[in-house]
Amino acid sequence: MAERGGWRARGRPLVVGAANGPALVLAEPLSLWGGLDMETGRIIDRRHPQCGQSVVGRVLVMPAGRGSSSSSSVLAEAIRNEKGPAAVVMGRADEIVAVGALVSQLLYGRACPVLVLPSSDYERIRTGDHLDLAESGWITVGRAGALT
C-alpha cells in the first residue's frame, strides 16, 4: 500500500513490540554466534557480505537465521549491552532469533520485536529505508531519501 513515498505491510510477529529505525538489509542469513560481536554490535563473520556493519539501533532485516542455538544468547546479550538491533524483520521464521529477543525482554526488560514478512514485502525493503514496526504486526516503510 503506497503512502507518501513509502508503503505498509502486515507481518506475523514472533516477538510483539513496537520499534523504528533505519534498515540494515542482509544479503545472506547470519549466525549470530560467531557472526555478531555482542560488545560492539558489529557483524564479524568475515565471510558475510555485510561484515563490519553495525546493527546497533537499526532494524536488522535478514532472510533467516543460520546456525547455532547459541545465537539466541548472543542476541540477548547484545540487546542487554545496548549494542543490538532495534528490531528484527525476517523473510522466514527463526525460533532461535525469537528466543533471544524474548530472553532480553524477560530478563533485562529490553524489547526487540521480531516480525516475519511475506517474501513479496520482505524483498522490497532496502538498506537505509526507515522502518516503523507496530505491535499489531504492521510495518511502515519509508524510502531512504524520499521526500515526505
Protein backbone atom coordinates (compact mmCIF):
# COMPACT_ATOMS: atom_id res chain seq x y z
CA MET A 1 0.00 0.00 0.00
CA ALA A 2 1.64 3.29 -1.11
CA GLU A 3 1.90 6.07 1.43
CA ARG A 4 3.80 9.38 0.94
CA GLY A 5 6.85 7.85 -0.72
CA GLY A 6 6.57 4.63 1.28
CA TRP A 7 4.34 1.65 1.86
CA ARG A 8 2.80 -0.55 4.54
CA ALA A 9 2.53 -4.29 5.02
CA ARG A 10 1.33 -6.70 7.66
CA GLY A 11 3.63 -9.33 9.06
CA ARG A 12 3.47 -12.03 11.67
CA PRO A 13 5.03 -11.01 14.99
CA LEU A 14 7.20 -13.68 16.63
CA VAL A 15 8.01 -11.23 19.42
CA VAL A 16 5.44 -8.47 19.83
CA GLY A 17 6.62 -4.90 20.22
CA ALA A 18 6.99 -1.52 18.60
CA ALA A 19 10.27 -0.13 17.25
CA ASN A 20 11.65 2.01 14.49
CA GLY A 21 14.91 2.80 12.81
CA PRO A 22 16.90 2.58 9.61
CA ALA A 23 17.03 -0.81 7.91
CA LEU A 24 20.18 -2.87 7.52
CA VAL A 25 19.30 -5.50 4.91
CA LEU A 26 21.50 -8.58 4.99
CA ALA A 27 22.20 -10.30 1.69
CA GLU A 28 22.56 -13.69 3.40
CA PRO A 29 21.45 -15.38 6.63
CA LEU A 30 23.70 -14.66 9.61
CA SER A 31 24.67 -16.88 12.50
CA LEU A 32 24.81 -14.52 15.45
CA TRP A 33 27.07 -16.99 17.27
CA GLY A 34 30.46 -16.09 15.85
CA GLY A 35 28.88 -13.63 13.44
CA LEU A 36 27.92 -10.72 15.71
CA ASP A 37 30.13 -9.06 18.32
CA MET A 38 27.80 -8.59 21.29
CA GLU A 39 30.10 -5.92 22.76
CA THR A 40 30.18 -3.66 19.68
CA GLY A 41 27.12 -4.68 17.65
CA ARG A 42 29.25 -5.23 14.53
CA ILE A 43 28.95 -8.15 12.14
CA ILE A 44 32.26 -10.00 12.48
CA ASP A 45 31.76 -13.04 10.23
CA ARG A 46 34.50 -12.39 7.64
CA ARG A 47 32.63 -14.42 5.02
CA HIS A 48 29.41 -12.40 5.37
CA PRO A 49 28.79 -9.67 2.75
CA GLN A 50 27.92 -7.13 5.47
CA CYS A 51 30.99 -7.87 7.65
CA GLY A 52 31.92 -4.72 9.56
CA GLN A 53 28.43 -3.21 9.51
CA SER A 54 26.82 -2.21 12.80
CA VAL A 55 23.35 -3.42 13.81
CA VAL A 56 23.14 -1.00 16.75
CA GLY A 57 19.79 0.81 16.77
CA ARG A 58 18.94 -0.40 13.28
CA VAL A 59 16.19 -2.72 12.15
CA LEU A 60 18.03 -5.87 11.13
CA VAL A 61 16.40 -7.28 8.01
CA MET A 62 17.57 -10.79 7.25
CA PRO A 63 16.28 -13.68 5.19
CA ALA A 64 16.68 -16.17 8.06
CA GLY A 65 18.92 -17.05 10.93
CA ARG A 66 21.74 -19.51 10.42
CA GLY A 67 23.41 -21.87 12.72
CA SER A 68 23.82 -22.43 16.38
CA SER A 69 21.19 -22.31 19.08
CA SER A 70 23.72 -20.16 20.96
CA SER A 71 22.74 -17.32 18.63
CA SER A 72 19.84 -16.60 20.99
CA SER A 73 22.23 -15.82 23.84
CA VAL A 74 24.35 -13.57 21.59
CA LEU A 75 21.28 -11.57 20.57
CA ALA A 76 20.05 -11.29 24.17
CA GLU A 77 23.46 -10.09 25.40
CA ALA A 78 23.87 -7.61 22.55
CA ILE A 79 20.47 -6.14 23.42
CA ARG A 80 21.38 -6.06 27.14
CA ASN A 81 24.61 -4.23 26.24
CA GLU A 82 22.62 -1.73 24.14
CA LYS A 83 24.54 -2.99 21.08
CA GLY A 84 21.70 -4.91 19.48
CA PRO A 85 19.20 -4.09 16.77
CA ALA A 86 16.06 -2.07 17.44
CA ALA A 87 14.07 -4.90 15.84
CA VAL A 88 14.49 -7.87 13.50
CA VAL A 89 12.47 -8.38 10.32
CA MET A 90 12.80 -11.80 8.70
CA GLY A 91 11.81 -13.49 5.49
CA ARG A 92 11.43 -16.85 7.26
CA ALA A 93 10.58 -17.50 10.89
CA ASP A 94 13.53 -18.39 13.10
CA GLU A 95 12.73 -19.55 16.60
CA ILE A 96 16.33 -19.11 17.79
CA VAL A 97 16.26 -15.38 16.98
CA ALA A 98 12.84 -15.09 18.62
CA VAL A 99 14.09 -16.80 21.80
CA GLY A 100 16.99 -14.34 22.06
CA ALA A 101 14.63 -11.38 21.74
CA LEU A 102 12.21 -12.87 24.29
CA VAL A 103 15.00 -13.56 26.78
CA SER A 104 16.21 -9.96 26.56
CA GLN A 105 12.68 -8.75 27.16
CA LEU A 106 12.02 -11.07 30.10
CA LEU A 107 15.41 -10.89 31.84
CA TYR A 108 16.54 -7.37 31.02
CA GLY A 109 13.31 -5.53 30.25
CA ARG A 110 14.61 -4.56 26.79
CA ALA A 111 12.35 -5.11 23.83
CA CYS A 112 13.45 -6.22 20.36
CA PRO A 113 10.40 -7.04 18.25
CA VAL A 114 10.77 -9.83 15.69
CA LEU A 115 8.49 -9.77 12.65
CA VAL A 116 8.18 -12.17 9.72
CA LEU A 117 7.06 -10.64 6.43
CA PRO A 118 5.71 -12.36 3.32
CA SER A 119 8.50 -12.61 0.73
CA SER A 120 6.74 -10.17 -1.61
CA ASP A 121 7.04 -7.47 1.08
CA TYR A 122 10.35 -8.55 2.61
CA GLU A 123 12.12 -8.26 -0.75
CA ARG A 124 11.04 -4.61 -1.17
CA ILE A 125 12.99 -3.33 1.84
CA ARG A 126 16.32 -1.63 1.14
CA THR A 127 19.18 -0.69 3.46
CA GLY A 128 18.56 2.84 4.73
CA ASP A 129 14.76 2.68 4.44
CA HIS A 130 13.10 3.90 7.63
CA LEU A 131 11.05 1.11 9.22
CA ASP A 132 8.36 1.63 11.82
CA LEU A 133 7.02 -1.57 13.40
CA ALA A 134 3.76 -1.55 15.34
CA GLU A 135 2.75 -4.08 17.98
CA SER A 136 -0.10 -5.17 15.70
CA GLY A 137 2.36 -6.54 13.13
CA TRP A 138 2.01 -3.65 10.69
CA ILE A 139 5.22 -2.19 9.31
CA THR A 140 5.52 1.18 7.61
CA VAL A 141 8.44 1.56 5.23
CA GLY A 142 9.69 5.00 4.27
CA ARG A 143 12.08 5.06 1.36
CA ALA A 144 15.59 6.29 2.09
CA GLY A 145 15.98 9.72 0.54
CA ALA A 146 12.26 10.03 -0.27
CA LEU A 147 10.64 13.41 0.28
CA THR A 148 7.77 13.28 2.75
